[in-house]
Amino acid sequence: MPPTGSLILADAPFSAEQESWLAGFIAGIAAAGRRETAAGGAPAVTGTVDVLFGTQTGTAEFLAGELVAGARARGLGGTATALDDITPERLAAMSHLLIVTSTYGEGEMPDNAGLFWEALGDEGAPRLEGLRYAVLGLGDRGYDEFCRAAKLIDTRLEQLGAVRLHDRADCDVDFEEPAAAWTAAVLDRLAAETGATAAGGAPAPAPAPAPAPGTRSPWNRRTPYRSRLVVNRLLSSPDSAKEIRHYELDLGDSGITYTAGDALAVVPMNDDAVVGALLEHLGASGDEDTDGGPLAEVLRTGREIRIPSKELVADLAGRAPSSELASVVARGDRSGLDSWLWGRDVLDLLRAAGPAAPGPDELLPLLRPLKARQYSISSSPLAHPDRVHLTVASVRYDTADRRYGGVASTYLADRVGGDTAEAAVGIYLQPNAAFGVPADDSAPIVMIGPGTGIAPFRGFLHERAARGASGRNWLFFGDQRRHTDFVYEDELTRLREQGVLTRLDLAFSRDQAEKVYVQTRMRERSRELYGWLEDGAYLYVCGDASRMAKDVEAALLGVIAEQRGRGDEDATRYLAELRRAKRYVRDVY
C-alpha cells in the first residue's frame, strides 16, 4: 500500500539545544500516546508517515526515529529513510508531505539531500498534483542565504503541482517557539486529513512541549557542562605560520558519551580586553543594567562582538551615509562587502562610524547572540572514555593598531585552565551519526584530512586499533611545511609501525617550488585509490568546505573517470552511488 504521509528533515546546522528541545517535543507526543494506550490499548493505525531525513551532522537521523515514534503515538504508522534514498517514483506516490530542512554552508542542501534535490529539479521530475505539503525552514539570519534550502524545496514542490497544507515557516537560531506553533498546526491538520486516531478511537492528542527523555543529555547551549581543560599542548612548531593545539577536556560526572566522528560544541566567552575597549568606545562603565544583566557581562558572554551582524552593517550604513562602509553597501556587491568586512570586528565598525555610531541601548539589539563553536572530536571513547580531545588552529592576526584573535580558539588557548581566570569551559556534545567508522571492521577506509581536518581521523585510527579491526586504513594528510606543520607525526609513525595505518600519503604545499596538495597525491595514486573503492572502501573528507572539499571532490571524480574510462557522467553516477551507500561522507566547514 503506498504511503499516505511523509516527513522530511535535514539537520545541519542544528545545535544540541535544538536537538534536545525537539526530542523533548517529540517525547511529549509519545507520552500523550502512551497515556492513551494505557487507557484503551495500542493506537489504531489509520495512515502511514514516511519519515525522511537529510543530514550533515547526524542529528536528523536521530530525530527521524523520534518523530516516527511520535507519529505512531498519534495513530500514524511510519519508517525513517534517508532523503537521498527516495526516488522520484516514491515521491510521486506520497499524498501528505511535511518538510523540515536547514541550509548548509552558503545556501546548499545537506550532503545526503543533494541527490534528492537534483532529481526534484530535473526536467523529468514527476507531477505532484496529488500531494499536500508544508515546509519548515531552520537557519541562521547571520547568513545571506537564510533558509534557502527550505525556500527552494517549497517553491519547487509548488511548481510541480503540489498544494500547501500549511504556509512555510523560516526559523532563526532560536527556533523553538515558531517551530512548536508550526508543528502543532501541521500535525493537527495532517491527523485530521488522514483520519489518524489514538487508542480507543479518540482523536490524536495535540502535541505539547515536554521535558526531554531521561536518556538525552541535559547539556546544551544554555546549560553547558563545565569541563576542566586538562591538556593544552602546542602541536605545530613555534616556527610555523600557524598555531595548532591539542586539547583534552575532562568529562567528569557529565554522563556525556561520544563516538568517534562526533563534534564537541565549545561555549566561548569574549576577550575581556576587547570587551573593555568596546565599553570605553561606548563611554560605558559596564555596570549599566540591560535585559540580560550588567552590560559588561552581556558583551562578554551573550553577544557576538567579533563578527558584525548584517543588521549592524545596515544600521551603520544608514547612520553614516558618507562613510566607506555605506559606499560599499550601496554598490550591492556581496563579495566586495565581504572583502571589506574581512578581519574587522564590531569595534572597528563603530569607530569608523564616528559620532553617528549607536550607543549601548541601540547597539545591543543589533548584535547576534554569541554562538557555540563546534570542533570535530579527535579521540575515540574506546581509547579515552573519560576525556574528549580536540585539534584546533588558533586564529590570530595583527593590523597597524590592533591585535585580533578568534573568539573560541584563543579562549581555549589563553583564557581557560591553569592560572587563567576561567577554571572550566562550557561544552556539550553534537552527535554526528552519519560520520563514523564502518560497523564492518574488515572494510577498508580512506581518510582525506589536511590541516586540522586530521582531527576525526586520529579518532578513527584509535577506534580501529582498539577494536582490532582488520580493515586497511589510508590517510591523506598535508599542510604548509613538514618540519613545522606535521602534527601528530610521532603518533602516526607509531600507528604505521603497528600496522594500524596501512598507507600515509603526505602533501606539504610549500616544501617545493610547485605547490602540492592532498588532491595532487590522490591523482598520483589514482589506480590504487580506485582499487580501494572497488574493494568496498569508505571514503571520508574533513576540513575546509570553501576550497579543499570542492578540490578533493573534483580530483576524486577525475580519478574515477580516468580509471573507469567511461566519461564524466559515469564518474558522477559512480560517486552518487557511493554517497547513497554512505561510503562517501564529508565533515566540512
Protein backbone atom coordinates (compact mmCIF):
# COMPACT_ATOMS: atom_id res chain seq x y z
CA MET A 1 0.00 0.00 0.00
CA PRO A 2 1.52 3.38 -0.95
CA PRO A 3 2.42 5.76 1.89
CA THR A 4 -0.14 8.39 2.82
CA GLY A 5 2.14 10.88 4.55
CA SER A 6 5.80 11.82 4.78
CA LEU A 7 8.08 13.90 6.97
CA ILE A 8 11.47 15.13 5.77
CA LEU A 9 14.19 16.58 7.98
CA ALA A 10 17.61 17.95 7.20
CA ASP A 11 19.53 18.84 10.30
CA ALA A 12 22.57 20.97 9.66
CA PRO A 13 23.19 23.24 11.41
CA PHE A 14 21.03 22.07 14.34
CA SER A 15 22.50 22.92 17.70
CA ALA A 16 22.45 20.38 20.51
CA GLU A 17 19.97 22.66 22.26
CA GLN A 18 17.63 22.50 19.28
CA GLU A 19 18.04 18.72 19.17
CA SER A 20 17.25 18.49 22.88
CA TRP A 21 14.18 20.70 22.53
CA LEU A 22 12.79 18.78 19.59
CA ALA A 23 13.49 15.46 21.29
CA GLY A 24 11.54 16.78 24.26
CA PHE A 25 8.76 17.97 22.00
CA ILE A 26 8.52 14.50 20.46
CA ALA A 27 8.63 12.95 23.91
CA GLY A 28 5.52 14.98 24.73
CA ILE A 29 3.75 13.48 21.73
CA ALA A 30 4.88 9.97 22.66
CA ALA A 31 3.91 10.46 26.30
CA ALA A 32 0.43 11.54 25.28
CA GLY A 33 0.18 8.45 23.10
CA ARG A 34 1.30 6.22 25.96
CA ARG A 35 -1.36 7.70 28.23
CA GLU A 36 -3.99 6.92 25.60
CA THR A 37 -2.57 3.42 25.19
CA ALA A 38 -2.77 2.79 28.91
CA ALA A 39 -6.42 3.81 28.82
CA GLY A 40 -7.50 1.82 25.84
CA GLY A 41 -4.79 -0.28 24.17
CA ALA A 42 -2.48 0.39 21.24
CA PRO A 43 -3.15 3.34 18.93
CA ALA A 44 -5.21 2.48 15.89
CA VAL A 45 -3.01 2.94 12.80
CA THR A 46 -5.10 4.76 10.19
CA GLY A 47 -2.35 6.17 7.94
CA THR A 48 1.36 5.88 7.22
CA VAL A 49 4.06 8.52 7.58
CA ASP A 50 7.38 8.10 5.77
CA VAL A 51 9.96 9.98 7.81
CA LEU A 52 12.79 11.07 5.54
CA PHE A 53 15.99 12.60 6.86
CA GLY A 54 18.72 14.65 5.22
CA THR A 55 21.75 15.05 7.44
CA GLN A 56 25.04 16.90 7.58
CA THR A 57 25.84 16.25 11.23
CA GLY A 58 23.67 13.21 12.02
CA THR A 59 21.08 14.99 14.13
CA ALA A 60 18.24 14.44 11.67
CA GLU A 61 18.74 10.68 11.61
CA PHE A 62 18.25 10.55 15.36
CA LEU A 63 15.30 12.90 15.18
CA ALA A 64 13.73 10.87 12.41
CA GLY A 65 13.49 7.87 14.72
CA GLU A 66 12.00 10.04 17.45
CA LEU A 67 9.47 11.53 15.04
CA VAL A 68 8.40 8.10 13.85
CA ALA A 69 7.65 7.26 17.48
CA GLY A 70 5.67 10.48 17.87
CA ALA A 71 3.69 9.84 14.69
CA ARG A 72 2.83 6.32 15.84
CA ALA A 73 1.52 7.75 19.08
CA ARG A 74 -0.94 9.77 17.01
CA GLY A 75 -2.20 6.72 15.15
CA LEU A 76 0.13 7.07 12.13
CA GLY A 77 2.45 4.27 11.08
CA GLY A 78 5.84 5.10 9.68
CA THR A 79 9.50 4.35 9.00
CA ALA A 80 12.62 6.52 8.70
CA THR A 81 14.59 6.71 5.44
CA ALA A 82 17.48 8.86 4.22
CA LEU A 83 16.35 11.62 1.86
CA ASP A 84 18.71 10.64 -0.96
CA ASP A 85 17.26 7.12 -0.85
CA ILE A 86 13.90 8.45 -2.09
CA THR A 87 13.33 8.11 -5.83
CA PRO A 88 11.04 10.40 -7.84
CA GLU A 89 8.65 7.47 -8.19
CA ARG A 90 8.35 7.05 -4.43
CA LEU A 91 7.85 10.79 -4.03
CA ALA A 92 5.04 10.73 -6.59
CA ALA A 93 3.25 8.04 -4.55
CA MET A 94 3.03 10.24 -1.45
CA SER A 95 -0.09 12.17 -0.53
CA HIS A 96 0.97 14.23 2.52
CA LEU A 97 4.48 15.60 2.83
CA LEU A 98 6.00 17.62 5.67
CA ILE A 99 9.49 19.04 5.19
CA VAL A 100 11.73 20.36 7.94
CA THR A 101 15.06 21.43 6.48
CA SER A 102 18.01 23.57 7.36
CA THR A 103 20.53 25.10 4.97
CA TYR A 104 24.16 24.03 4.83
CA GLY A 105 27.04 26.40 4.08
CA GLU A 106 26.21 29.19 1.64
CA GLY A 107 22.70 28.15 0.70
CA GLU A 108 23.42 24.48 -0.07
CA MET A 109 21.49 21.32 0.62
CA PRO A 110 22.85 18.97 3.31
CA ASP A 111 25.11 16.30 1.83
CA ASN A 112 22.55 13.49 1.74
CA ALA A 113 19.82 15.76 0.37
CA GLY A 114 21.76 16.80 -2.74
CA LEU A 115 20.73 13.86 -4.93
CA PHE A 116 17.10 14.30 -3.91
CA TRP A 117 17.24 17.98 -4.85
CA GLU A 118 18.86 17.22 -8.20
CA ALA A 119 16.06 14.76 -9.00
CA LEU A 120 13.40 17.23 -7.85
CA GLY A 121 14.86 19.97 -10.04
CA ASP A 122 15.22 17.78 -13.12
CA GLU A 123 13.01 18.48 -16.13
CA GLY A 124 11.73 14.93 -15.91
CA ALA A 125 10.58 15.21 -12.29
CA PRO A 126 7.05 13.79 -11.85
CA ARG A 127 3.98 15.96 -11.47
CA LEU A 128 2.73 16.08 -7.87
CA GLU A 129 -0.87 17.27 -8.11
CA GLY A 130 -1.94 14.66 -5.57
CA LEU A 131 0.50 15.87 -2.93
CA ARG A 132 -0.30 18.09 0.07
CA TYR A 133 2.80 19.52 1.74
CA ALA A 134 4.24 22.00 4.22
CA VAL A 135 7.79 23.23 4.81
CA LEU A 136 9.61 24.36 7.94
CA GLY A 137 12.98 26.03 7.46
CA LEU A 138 15.71 26.17 10.11
CA GLY A 139 18.62 28.53 9.70
CA ASP A 140 20.64 31.50 10.87
CA ARG A 141 19.81 35.05 9.76
CA GLY A 142 23.51 35.82 10.03
CA TYR A 143 23.90 34.13 6.64
CA ASP A 144 22.77 35.73 3.38
CA GLU A 145 21.09 32.54 2.18
CA PHE A 146 18.89 32.20 5.26
CA CYS A 147 16.72 29.06 4.97
CA ARG A 148 17.46 28.86 1.24
CA ALA A 149 17.07 25.08 1.09
CA ALA A 150 13.57 25.30 2.57
CA LYS A 151 12.59 28.09 0.19
CA LEU A 152 13.88 26.21 -2.85
CA ILE A 153 12.09 22.98 -1.98
CA ASP A 154 8.88 24.82 -1.09
CA THR A 155 8.85 26.64 -4.44
CA ARG A 156 9.78 23.57 -6.48
CA LEU A 157 7.03 21.43 -4.96
CA GLU A 158 4.52 24.14 -5.83
CA GLN A 159 5.87 24.26 -9.40
CA LEU A 160 5.29 20.52 -9.70
CA GLY A 161 1.64 20.91 -8.77
CA ALA A 162 1.69 20.09 -5.06
CA VAL A 163 -0.65 22.05 -2.78
CA ARG A 164 0.45 23.56 0.52
CA LEU A 165 -1.00 22.00 3.64
CA HIS A 166 0.33 24.95 5.65
CA ASP A 167 2.46 28.05 4.98
CA ARG A 168 6.22 27.69 5.25
CA ALA A 169 7.87 28.96 8.44
CA ASP A 170 11.52 30.13 8.39
CA CYS A 171 13.05 29.89 11.85
CA ASP A 172 16.18 31.60 13.13
CA VAL A 173 18.67 30.09 15.60
CA ASP A 174 16.18 30.42 18.47
CA PHE A 175 13.58 28.39 16.64
CA GLU A 176 11.68 26.71 19.47
CA GLU A 177 8.50 28.80 19.68
CA PRO A 178 7.80 29.26 15.94
CA ALA A 179 8.69 25.64 15.26
CA ALA A 180 6.37 24.46 18.03
CA ALA A 181 3.49 26.54 16.66
CA TRP A 182 4.10 25.30 13.09
CA THR A 183 4.46 21.67 14.17
CA ALA A 184 1.30 21.71 16.28
CA ALA A 185 -0.77 23.24 13.48
CA VAL A 186 0.58 20.95 10.77
CA LEU A 187 0.31 17.70 12.76
CA ASP A 188 -3.24 18.57 13.81
CA ARG A 189 -4.19 19.16 10.18
CA LEU A 190 -2.33 16.05 8.97
CA ALA A 191 -4.01 13.87 11.59
CA ALA A 192 -7.40 15.28 10.59
CA GLU A 193 -6.83 14.74 6.86
CA THR A 194 -5.57 11.17 7.28
CA GLY A 195 -8.15 10.28 9.92
CA ALA A 196 -5.46 9.33 12.41
CA THR A 197 -6.71 8.38 15.88
CA ALA A 198 -5.10 7.38 19.13
CA ALA A 199 -6.19 4.35 21.13
CA GLY A 200 -9.88 3.76 21.64
CA GLY A 201 -10.82 5.84 18.57
CA ALA A 202 -10.13 9.15 20.31
CA PRO A 203 -8.65 11.99 18.23
CA ALA A 204 -4.87 12.10 18.28
CA PRO A 205 -3.59 14.14 21.24
CA ALA A 206 -2.41 17.65 20.50
CA PRO A 207 1.38 17.96 20.81
CA ALA A 208 2.84 19.93 23.68
CA PRO A 209 6.43 20.56 24.72
CA ALA A 210 7.67 18.26 27.45
CA PRO A 211 10.95 17.60 29.24
CA ALA A 212 13.47 15.63 27.22
CA PRO A 213 13.64 11.89 27.89
CA GLY A 214 15.99 10.79 30.62
CA THR A 215 18.34 9.25 28.05
CA ARG A 216 19.02 12.65 26.49
CA SER A 217 21.91 14.74 27.72
CA PRO A 218 20.91 17.73 29.86
CA TRP A 219 23.86 19.70 28.47
CA ASN A 220 23.18 22.24 25.70
CA ARG A 221 23.92 25.83 24.67
CA ARG A 222 22.12 27.36 27.63
CA THR A 223 23.18 24.74 30.16
CA PRO A 224 26.62 23.51 29.04
CA TYR A 225 28.70 21.14 31.12
CA ARG A 226 31.56 22.92 32.87
CA SER A 227 34.56 20.82 31.90
CA ARG A 228 38.13 21.11 33.14
CA LEU A 229 40.71 21.69 30.42
CA VAL A 230 43.41 19.24 31.48
CA VAL A 231 45.75 19.36 28.48
CA ASN A 232 46.67 22.36 26.29
CA ARG A 233 49.64 21.40 24.10
CA LEU A 234 51.16 23.13 21.07
CA LEU A 235 51.32 20.69 18.15
CA SER A 236 52.82 22.87 15.44
CA SER A 237 56.37 24.19 15.67
CA PRO A 238 56.95 27.64 17.18
CA ASP A 239 58.43 28.49 13.76
CA SER A 240 55.18 27.65 11.96
CA ALA A 241 52.97 30.28 10.38
CA LYS A 242 50.11 28.52 12.20
CA GLU A 243 49.33 27.73 15.81
CA ILE A 244 47.69 24.32 16.11
CA ARG A 245 46.94 23.00 19.59
CA HIS A 246 45.87 19.71 21.13
CA TYR A 247 43.30 19.97 23.94
CA GLU A 248 41.91 17.39 26.33
CA LEU A 249 38.70 18.09 28.26
CA ASP A 250 37.66 16.06 31.28
CA LEU A 251 34.13 14.63 31.03
CA GLY A 252 33.98 14.12 34.82
CA ASP A 253 30.48 13.30 36.05
CA SER A 254 28.76 14.75 32.95
CA GLY A 255 27.45 11.43 31.69
CA ILE A 256 28.49 12.52 28.18
CA THR A 257 29.20 9.54 25.94
CA TYR A 258 30.60 10.21 22.50
CA THR A 259 31.50 8.32 19.34
CA ALA A 260 34.50 8.78 17.07
CA GLY A 261 33.30 11.26 14.44
CA ASP A 262 31.10 13.33 16.75
CA ALA A 263 31.69 17.05 17.32
CA LEU A 264 32.06 18.98 20.56
CA ALA A 265 30.49 22.41 20.96
CA VAL A 266 32.53 24.90 22.98
CA VAL A 267 30.66 27.81 24.56
CA PRO A 268 33.21 30.64 24.49
CA MET A 269 33.46 33.99 26.19
CA ASN A 270 34.68 37.16 24.53
CA ASP A 271 38.10 38.51 25.44
CA ASP A 272 37.93 40.92 28.40
CA ALA A 273 40.36 43.24 26.62
CA VAL A 274 38.06 43.54 23.59
CA VAL A 275 35.01 43.99 25.83
CA GLY A 276 36.86 46.71 27.74
CA ALA A 277 37.84 48.54 24.55
CA LEU A 278 34.25 48.36 23.31
CA LEU A 279 32.89 49.74 26.60
CA GLU A 280 35.44 52.53 26.51
CA HIS A 281 34.38 53.49 23.00
CA LEU A 282 30.74 53.46 24.05
CA GLY A 283 31.53 55.65 27.06
CA ALA A 284 30.05 52.99 29.35
CA SER A 285 31.26 51.59 32.65
CA GLY A 286 29.88 48.10 32.05
CA ASP A 287 27.66 48.23 35.13
CA GLU A 288 24.67 49.54 33.17
CA ASP A 289 21.55 47.41 33.51
CA THR A 290 20.23 45.53 30.46
CA ASP A 291 17.56 42.87 30.00
CA GLY A 292 20.32 40.25 30.18
CA GLY A 293 22.19 41.68 33.19
CA PRO A 294 25.11 44.11 33.50
CA LEU A 295 26.26 45.43 30.13
CA ALA A 296 29.84 44.16 30.52
CA GLU A 297 28.67 40.61 31.27
CA VAL A 298 26.23 40.62 28.35
CA LEU A 299 29.01 41.69 25.98
CA ARG A 300 31.36 39.11 27.44
CA THR A 301 29.08 36.08 27.43
CA GLY A 302 25.97 36.83 25.42
CA ARG A 303 26.72 38.81 22.25
CA GLU A 304 28.80 38.26 19.13
CA ILE A 305 31.26 41.17 19.00
CA ARG A 306 33.88 39.55 16.77
CA ILE A 307 31.73 39.17 13.63
CA PRO A 308 29.50 42.18 12.79
CA SER A 309 25.89 41.22 12.08
CA LYS A 310 24.06 42.13 8.88
CA GLU A 311 21.72 44.23 11.00
CA LEU A 312 24.61 46.27 12.40
CA VAL A 313 26.15 46.78 8.95
CA ALA A 314 22.84 48.05 7.54
CA ASP A 315 22.23 50.31 10.54
CA LEU A 316 25.69 51.90 10.39
CA ALA A 317 25.45 52.42 6.63
CA GLY A 318 22.19 54.29 7.20
CA ARG A 319 23.55 56.35 10.08
CA ALA A 320 26.71 57.40 8.23
CA PRO A 321 25.76 57.61 4.51
CA SER A 322 29.03 59.24 3.53
CA SER A 323 31.18 56.55 5.20
CA GLU A 324 33.31 54.00 3.36
CA LEU A 325 31.03 51.22 4.63
CA ALA A 326 27.94 52.95 3.25
CA SER A 327 29.65 53.30 -0.13
CA VAL A 328 30.47 49.58 -0.23
CA VAL A 329 26.93 48.63 0.82
CA ALA A 330 25.41 50.95 -1.81
CA ARG A 331 27.25 49.11 -4.60
CA GLY A 332 25.28 45.95 -3.80
CA ASP A 333 28.35 43.76 -4.31
CA ARG A 334 28.18 40.96 -1.76
CA SER A 335 31.73 39.71 -2.36
CA GLY A 336 33.02 43.28 -2.20
CA LEU A 337 31.29 43.80 1.15
CA ASP A 338 32.66 40.51 2.46
CA SER A 339 36.17 41.58 1.46
CA TRP A 340 35.74 44.95 3.17
CA LEU A 341 34.42 43.34 6.35
CA TRP A 342 37.07 40.61 6.47
CA GLY A 343 39.15 40.98 9.61
CA ARG A 344 37.04 43.81 11.03
CA ASP A 345 35.00 43.44 14.19
CA VAL A 346 32.19 45.41 15.86
CA LEU A 347 34.61 47.87 17.48
CA ASP A 348 36.21 48.63 14.11
CA LEU A 349 32.83 49.43 12.56
CA LEU A 350 31.75 51.63 15.46
CA ARG A 351 34.99 53.58 15.30
CA ALA A 352 34.60 54.03 11.54
CA ALA A 353 31.07 55.40 12.02
CA GLY A 354 32.36 58.14 14.32
CA PRO A 355 29.74 60.21 16.18
CA ALA A 356 26.92 58.58 14.17
CA ALA A 357 27.54 55.22 15.89
CA PRO A 358 24.76 53.92 18.18
CA GLY A 359 25.00 53.96 21.96
CA PRO A 360 24.75 50.85 24.16
CA ASP A 361 20.94 50.65 24.23
CA GLU A 362 20.70 50.89 20.44
CA LEU A 363 23.71 48.63 19.83
CA LEU A 364 22.68 45.53 21.78
CA PRO A 365 19.64 44.64 19.61
CA LEU A 366 21.91 44.83 16.55
CA LEU A 367 24.33 42.19 17.88
CA ARG A 368 23.76 38.49 17.27
CA PRO A 369 23.76 36.01 20.18
CA LEU A 370 27.22 34.58 20.92
CA LYS A 371 27.16 31.10 19.38
CA ALA A 372 28.98 27.98 20.42
CA ARG A 373 31.81 26.85 18.13
CA GLN A 374 31.84 23.21 17.06
CA TYR A 375 35.02 21.16 16.67
CA SER A 376 35.48 17.64 15.36
CA ILE A 377 36.47 15.32 18.18
CA SER A 378 39.96 13.87 17.66
CA SER A 379 39.75 10.93 20.05
CA SER A 380 37.95 7.60 20.44
CA PRO A 381 35.94 6.69 23.54
CA LEU A 382 37.43 3.20 23.38
CA ALA A 383 40.87 4.71 23.99
CA HIS A 384 39.83 7.78 26.03
CA PRO A 385 36.39 7.22 27.61
CA ASP A 386 36.75 9.97 30.22
CA ARG A 387 38.15 12.70 28.01
CA VAL A 388 37.42 14.43 24.72
CA HIS A 389 40.36 15.51 22.56
CA LEU A 390 40.24 18.48 20.17
CA THR A 391 42.68 19.67 17.50
CA VAL A 392 42.24 23.41 16.99
CA ALA A 393 44.01 26.10 14.98
CA SER A 394 44.27 29.35 16.95
CA VAL A 395 43.21 32.36 14.89
CA ARG A 396 45.45 35.38 15.48
CA TYR A 397 46.45 38.33 13.33
CA ASP A 398 47.61 41.93 13.72
CA THR A 399 46.95 45.22 12.00
CA ALA A 400 48.77 48.50 12.47
CA ASP A 401 46.89 49.39 15.64
CA ARG A 402 45.18 46.24 16.91
CA ARG A 403 45.70 42.56 17.65
CA TYR A 404 42.83 40.19 16.84
CA GLY A 405 42.00 36.66 17.92
CA GLY A 406 39.37 34.05 17.16
CA VAL A 407 36.71 34.00 19.86
CA ALA A 408 36.80 30.31 20.80
CA SER A 409 40.28 29.34 19.61
CA THR A 410 42.06 31.98 21.72
CA TYR A 411 39.59 31.41 24.58
CA LEU A 412 40.83 27.82 24.77
CA ALA A 413 44.46 28.71 24.16
CA ASP A 414 44.78 31.68 26.52
CA ARG A 415 41.88 32.07 28.90
CA VAL A 416 40.85 28.64 30.24
CA GLY A 417 42.61 26.43 32.76
CA GLY A 418 45.91 26.81 34.55
CA ASP A 419 46.38 30.20 36.17
CA THR A 420 43.81 31.91 33.95
CA ALA A 421 40.56 33.42 35.21
CA GLU A 422 38.38 30.64 33.79
CA ALA A 423 38.85 27.30 35.54
CA ALA A 424 36.48 25.40 33.24
CA VAL A 425 34.90 25.66 29.80
CA GLY A 426 31.27 25.10 28.85
CA ILE A 427 30.80 22.19 26.44
CA TYR A 428 28.09 19.97 25.01
CA LEU A 429 28.07 17.11 22.53
CA GLN A 430 26.96 17.45 18.92
CA PRO A 431 26.43 13.85 17.73
CA ASN A 432 27.18 13.02 14.10
CA ALA A 433 25.77 9.59 13.38
CA ALA A 434 26.49 9.98 9.67
CA PHE A 435 30.26 10.39 10.14
CA GLY A 436 31.83 7.40 11.83
CA VAL A 437 33.91 4.30 11.20
CA PRO A 438 32.13 1.44 9.41
CA ALA A 439 30.41 -1.17 11.55
CA ASP A 440 32.24 -3.74 9.40
CA ASP A 441 35.72 -3.96 10.89
CA SER A 442 37.02 -5.62 7.72
CA ALA A 443 36.02 -2.71 5.46
CA PRO A 444 38.87 -0.52 4.18
CA ILE A 445 38.68 3.23 4.78
CA VAL A 446 40.28 6.22 3.03
CA MET A 447 40.61 9.44 5.05
CA ILE A 448 41.40 12.82 3.49
CA GLY A 449 42.07 15.49 6.09
CA PRO A 450 44.67 18.24 5.62
CA GLY A 451 45.46 20.63 8.46
CA THR A 452 43.08 20.33 11.40
CA GLY A 453 40.94 18.12 9.15
CA ILE A 454 43.02 15.28 10.56
CA ALA A 455 41.08 15.55 13.84
CA PRO A 456 38.32 12.94 13.38
CA PHE A 457 40.71 10.58 11.58
CA ARG A 458 43.01 10.44 14.58
CA GLY A 459 39.91 9.28 16.46
CA PHE A 460 39.07 6.79 13.69
CA LEU A 461 42.55 5.25 13.85
CA HIS A 462 42.42 4.93 17.64
CA GLU A 463 38.95 3.40 17.33
CA ARG A 464 40.00 0.79 14.78
CA ALA A 465 43.11 -0.04 16.78
CA ALA A 466 41.03 -0.55 19.96
CA ARG A 467 38.54 -2.72 18.08
CA GLY A 468 41.26 -4.79 16.48
CA ALA A 469 39.74 -4.01 13.09
CA SER A 470 41.30 -5.91 10.19
CA GLY A 471 40.28 -3.38 7.54
CA ARG A 472 43.01 -1.35 5.82
CA ASN A 473 43.36 2.36 6.68
CA TRP A 474 44.72 5.00 4.27
CA LEU A 475 45.29 8.61 5.32
CA PHE A 476 45.97 11.62 3.07
CA PHE A 477 47.35 14.49 5.18
CA GLY A 478 49.05 17.75 4.35
CA ASP A 479 49.79 21.33 5.36
CA GLN A 480 52.33 24.02 4.51
CA ARG A 481 55.70 22.65 5.69
CA ARG A 482 56.70 19.26 7.02
CA HIS A 483 59.21 20.44 9.63
CA THR A 484 56.75 22.91 11.23
CA ASP A 485 53.24 21.61 10.47
CA PHE A 486 53.33 17.80 10.59
CA VAL A 487 51.03 17.46 13.61
CA TYR A 488 50.84 14.08 15.36
CA GLU A 489 53.88 12.91 13.35
CA ASP A 490 55.23 10.61 16.09
CA GLU A 491 51.79 9.15 16.70
CA LEU A 492 51.13 8.47 13.01
CA THR A 493 54.57 6.89 12.64
CA ARG A 494 53.81 4.60 15.57
CA LEU A 495 50.43 3.63 14.10
CA ARG A 496 52.15 2.75 10.83
CA GLU A 497 54.70 0.61 12.62
CA GLN A 498 51.88 -1.15 14.46
CA GLY A 499 50.11 -1.91 11.18
CA VAL A 500 47.05 0.18 12.03
CA LEU A 501 47.77 2.85 9.42
CA THR A 502 48.26 0.94 6.17
CA ARG A 503 49.14 3.90 3.96
CA LEU A 504 50.07 7.51 4.64
CA ASP A 505 50.35 9.99 1.79
CA LEU A 506 51.68 13.45 2.66
CA ALA A 507 51.37 16.76 0.83
CA PHE A 508 53.27 19.76 2.19
CA SER A 509 52.48 22.57 -0.19
CA ARG A 510 55.45 24.86 0.42
CA ASP A 511 58.30 22.37 0.67
CA GLN A 512 58.99 22.60 -3.07
CA ALA A 513 58.70 25.15 -5.87
CA GLU A 514 55.46 23.69 -7.20
CA LYS A 515 52.68 23.51 -4.62
CA VAL A 516 51.44 20.03 -3.77
CA TYR A 517 48.10 19.35 -2.09
CA VAL A 518 46.23 16.24 -0.95
CA GLN A 519 44.29 16.23 -4.24
CA THR A 520 47.66 16.10 -6.05
CA ARG A 521 48.53 12.91 -4.17
CA MET A 522 45.08 11.47 -4.93
CA ARG A 523 45.69 11.90 -8.67
CA GLU A 524 49.19 10.41 -8.37
CA ARG A 525 47.71 7.35 -6.61
CA SER A 526 44.76 7.14 -8.99
CA ARG A 527 44.93 3.41 -9.76
CA GLU A 528 45.40 2.36 -6.13
CA LEU A 529 42.69 4.73 -4.87
CA TYR A 530 40.13 3.44 -7.36
CA GLY A 531 41.14 -0.11 -6.46
CA TRP A 532 40.33 0.56 -2.80
CA LEU A 533 36.92 1.94 -3.78
CA GLU A 534 36.24 -1.16 -5.87
CA ASP A 535 37.21 -3.23 -2.82
CA GLY A 536 34.43 -1.54 -0.85
CA ALA A 537 36.37 1.26 0.83
CA TYR A 538 34.57 4.06 2.67
CA LEU A 539 35.95 7.50 1.79
CA TYR A 540 35.86 10.37 4.28
CA VAL A 541 36.74 14.04 3.85
CA CYS A 542 37.20 16.56 6.66
CA GLY A 543 38.28 20.20 6.59
CA ASP A 544 37.70 23.41 4.68
CA ALA A 545 34.43 23.46 2.72
CA SER A 546 35.08 26.57 0.61
CA ARG A 547 38.02 25.22 -1.40
CA MET A 548 39.61 21.99 -0.18
CA ALA A 549 36.45 19.86 -0.17
CA LYS A 550 35.49 21.03 -3.66
CA ASP A 551 39.01 20.43 -4.99
CA VAL A 552 39.10 16.97 -3.43
CA GLU A 553 35.75 16.05 -4.96
CA ALA A 554 36.90 17.27 -8.37
CA ALA A 555 40.05 15.16 -8.04
CA LEU A 556 38.00 12.15 -6.95
CA LEU A 557 35.72 12.48 -9.98
CA GLY A 558 38.83 12.73 -12.15
CA VAL A 559 40.28 9.56 -10.61
CA ILE A 560 37.04 7.65 -11.19
CA ALA A 561 36.67 8.90 -14.78
CA GLU A 562 40.29 8.05 -15.62
CA GLN A 563 40.20 4.57 -14.14
CA ARG A 564 36.79 3.60 -15.49
CA GLY A 565 37.32 5.21 -18.89
CA ARG A 566 33.61 5.92 -19.34
CA GLY A 567 33.47 9.70 -19.16
CA ASP A 568 32.44 12.37 -16.68
CA GLU A 569 28.75 11.45 -16.46
CA ASP A 570 29.60 7.89 -15.49
CA ALA A 571 32.01 9.16 -12.82
CA THR A 572 29.29 11.41 -11.42
CA ARG A 573 26.87 8.47 -11.22
CA TYR A 574 29.55 6.30 -9.57
CA LEU A 575 30.19 8.93 -6.90
CA ALA A 576 26.42 9.35 -6.36
CA GLU A 577 26.16 5.63 -5.67
CA LEU A 578 28.99 5.87 -3.14
CA ARG A 579 27.08 8.68 -1.45
CA ARG A 580 23.85 6.68 -1.39
CA ALA A 581 25.71 3.71 0.12
CA LYS A 582 27.12 6.06 2.83
CA ARG A 583 30.61 5.31 1.52
CA TYR A 584 31.43 8.91 0.60
CA VAL A 585 30.94 11.08 3.66
CA ARG A 586 32.13 14.59 4.47
CA ASP A 587 32.56 16.67 7.61
CA VAL A 588 33.41 20.06 6.14
CA TYR A 589 33.10 23.57 7.48
